[in-house]
Protein backbone atom coordinates (compact mmCIF):
# COMPACT_ATOMS: atom_id res chain seq x y z
CA MET A 1 116.41 -58.81 47.08
CA ALA A 2 116.42 -59.40 50.82
CA TRP A 3 113.18 -59.37 52.76
CA ILE A 4 112.35 -55.99 54.26
CA ASP A 5 109.79 -55.62 57.01
CA PRO A 6 106.66 -53.74 55.87
CA VAL A 7 107.21 -50.70 58.10
CA THR A 8 110.70 -50.15 56.70
CA TRP A 9 109.54 -50.83 53.15
CA TYR A 10 106.65 -48.34 53.33
CA ALA A 11 108.91 -45.74 54.94
CA SER A 12 111.31 -46.09 52.01
CA LEU A 13 108.69 -45.33 49.35
CA PRO A 14 108.60 -41.92 47.70
CA ALA A 15 105.90 -39.54 48.90
CA CYS A 16 104.02 -36.90 46.96
CA TYR A 17 101.62 -34.06 47.69
CA LEU A 18 97.91 -34.48 46.97
CA ALA A 19 95.88 -31.47 45.86
CA THR A 20 92.36 -31.13 44.52
CA GLY A 21 90.37 -28.68 42.48
CA MET A 22 86.73 -28.41 41.52
CA LEU A 23 85.20 -27.41 38.22
CA LEU A 24 82.16 -25.25 38.92
CA THR A 25 80.25 -23.48 36.17
CA ASP A 26 77.25 -21.20 35.99
CA ILE A 27 74.21 -21.66 33.74
CA TYR A 28 76.02 -19.78 30.96
CA GLY A 29 78.95 -22.22 30.93
CA ARG A 30 81.33 -19.79 32.59
CA VAL A 31 84.00 -21.30 34.84
CA LEU A 32 84.45 -20.22 38.46
CA LEU A 33 88.05 -19.23 39.17
CA VAL A 34 89.55 -17.88 42.37
CA LYS A 35 92.46 -15.52 42.94
CA THR A 36 94.29 -16.49 46.10
CA ARG A 37 96.27 -14.04 48.20
CA TYR A 38 99.45 -16.12 47.90
CA ARG A 39 99.62 -16.45 44.08
CA ASP A 40 99.66 -14.01 41.20
CA ASP A 41 97.47 -16.09 38.92
CA TRP A 42 93.94 -17.47 39.07
CA GLY A 43 92.89 -21.09 39.37
CA LEU A 44 90.16 -23.57 40.09
CA PRO A 45 89.03 -23.52 43.71
CA GLY A 46 90.42 -26.31 45.87
CA GLY A 47 93.50 -27.08 47.87
CA VAL A 48 95.79 -29.61 49.50
CA ALA A 49 94.46 -32.73 51.20
CA GLU A 50 95.26 -33.17 54.86
CA GLU A 51 97.08 -36.29 56.07
CA GLY A 52 94.80 -39.31 55.58
CA GLU A 53 91.97 -37.26 54.05
CA PRO A 54 90.28 -38.83 51.02
CA PRO A 55 90.65 -36.58 47.95
CA HIS A 56 86.92 -36.07 47.30
CA LEU A 57 86.39 -35.02 50.91
CA ALA A 58 89.42 -32.72 50.81
CA CYS A 59 87.94 -31.02 47.76
CA ARG A 60 84.53 -30.64 49.40
CA ARG A 61 86.15 -29.20 52.55
CA GLU A 62 88.25 -26.71 50.57
CA ILE A 63 85.23 -25.51 48.56
CA SER A 64 83.27 -25.06 51.77
CA GLU A 65 86.13 -23.19 53.50
CA GLU A 66 87.10 -20.98 50.54
CA LEU A 67 83.68 -20.20 49.06
CA GLY A 68 81.04 -21.16 51.61
CA LEU A 69 79.54 -23.65 49.14
CA ASP A 70 78.55 -27.21 50.01
CA ARG A 71 79.38 -29.12 46.84
CA PRO A 72 79.96 -32.84 47.28
CA GLY A 73 81.88 -33.08 44.06
CA GLY A 74 80.78 -35.34 41.32
CA PRO A 75 82.86 -37.50 39.05
CA LEU A 76 86.62 -37.28 38.80
CA LEU A 77 87.47 -35.26 35.69
CA ALA A 78 91.25 -35.16 35.62
CA VAL A 79 94.44 -36.50 37.15
CA ASP A 80 97.45 -34.22 36.69
CA PHE A 81 100.91 -35.39 37.67
CA VAL A 82 103.17 -32.43 38.47
CA ALA A 83 106.87 -33.20 38.87
CA ALA A 84 108.86 -31.73 41.74
CA GLY A 85 110.49 -28.43 40.94
CA GLY A 86 111.26 -24.99 42.31
CA ASP A 87 109.94 -24.63 45.84
CA ARG A 88 107.95 -27.87 45.53
CA LEU A 89 110.30 -30.57 46.85
CA ARG A 90 108.03 -33.48 45.96
CA SER A 91 105.88 -34.39 43.01
CA MET A 92 102.17 -33.62 43.27
CA ILE A 93 99.05 -35.43 42.16
CA TYR A 94 96.30 -32.92 41.35
CA LEU A 95 92.76 -34.28 41.03
CA VAL A 96 89.89 -32.27 39.55
CA PHE A 97 86.31 -33.14 40.49
CA ASP A 98 83.11 -32.02 38.82
CA GLY A 99 81.20 -29.65 41.08
CA GLY A 100 78.39 -29.24 38.58
CA THR A 101 76.52 -26.16 37.45
CA LEU A 102 75.51 -23.53 39.99
CA ALA A 103 71.91 -22.52 39.27
CA GLY A 104 70.65 -18.98 39.64
CA THR A 105 72.85 -16.55 41.51
CA PRO A 106 75.01 -18.59 43.87
CA VAL A 107 75.69 -17.20 47.33
CA ILE A 108 79.46 -17.23 47.61
CA THR A 109 81.12 -16.24 50.87
CA VAL A 110 84.88 -16.07 50.39
CA GLN A 111 87.44 -16.89 53.05
CA GLU A 112 88.98 -13.40 53.02
CA ASP A 113 92.36 -14.36 54.48
CA GLU A 114 92.94 -16.77 51.58
CA ILE A 115 90.76 -15.67 48.63
CA ALA A 116 91.28 -12.19 47.20
CA ASP A 117 88.67 -12.47 44.44
CA TYR A 118 86.57 -14.82 42.36
CA ALA A 119 84.93 -14.59 38.96
CA PHE A 120 82.85 -16.57 36.51
CA LEU A 121 84.72 -16.43 33.20
CA SER A 122 84.34 -17.85 29.72
CA PRO A 123 86.69 -20.80 29.20
CA ASP A 124 89.00 -18.67 27.02
CA SER A 125 89.10 -15.81 29.53
CA ALA A 126 89.63 -18.26 32.38
CA THR A 127 92.55 -19.92 30.62
CA ALA A 128 94.11 -16.51 29.97
CA ARG A 129 94.08 -15.72 33.72
CA MET A 130 95.61 -19.03 34.75
CA SER A 131 99.35 -19.64 34.98
CA VAL A 132 101.22 -21.26 32.12
CA THR A 133 101.72 -24.33 34.30
CA THR A 134 98.00 -24.84 35.05
CA ALA A 135 96.12 -23.39 32.05
CA HIS A 136 96.53 -26.64 30.09
CA ARG A 137 94.15 -28.33 32.53
CA LEU A 138 91.02 -26.35 31.79
CA PRO A 139 90.28 -27.43 28.18
CA ARG A 140 90.93 -31.05 29.14
CA VAL A 141 88.76 -30.81 32.25
CA LEU A 142 85.90 -29.30 30.25
CA ALA A 143 86.29 -32.04 27.62
CA ALA A 144 86.23 -34.69 30.37
CA ARG A 145 82.95 -33.28 31.64
CA ARG A 146 81.45 -33.44 28.13
CA THR A 147 82.70 -36.92 27.29
CA GLY A 148 82.67 -38.64 30.66
CA HIS A 149 86.29 -39.75 30.16
CA VAL A 150 88.82 -38.83 32.84
CA ALA A 151 91.75 -36.82 31.51
CA TYR A 152 95.26 -37.90 32.48
CA LEU A 153 97.70 -35.02 32.30
CA PRO A 154 101.28 -36.12 32.94
CA SER A 155 103.69 -33.21 33.00
């Protein structure tokens, strides 16, 4: 293989999207899910990292913007590789961080132009509200929290 200058080589590499989510629970073990205005299903709060933004900071920013909560995000719980498909032209790496347990009655202030609703749900009820393509994450994320072992979820 001929030598390629670094700029050209890096430009030739495949790119992917980077998204984050945060597992937040209440004192009863219920999972916080959000219903966005641009999707029919529910999911963990979070969002897409901005260019050059570290994933843990992207997650913290999204939680602050969407819910008005300042959660630094604890350990990484899961890495989900999502292949390109449909409207998504590139593959996506989805990272889930542990946001811990919210004590008492948390004060949640939703970003109304993005979040239509939120709810604390039992793990089974939460999974039932999630899309078929994302529901597989929740049991593995909860197990990762219990065991301390990061879940790898290749699609």
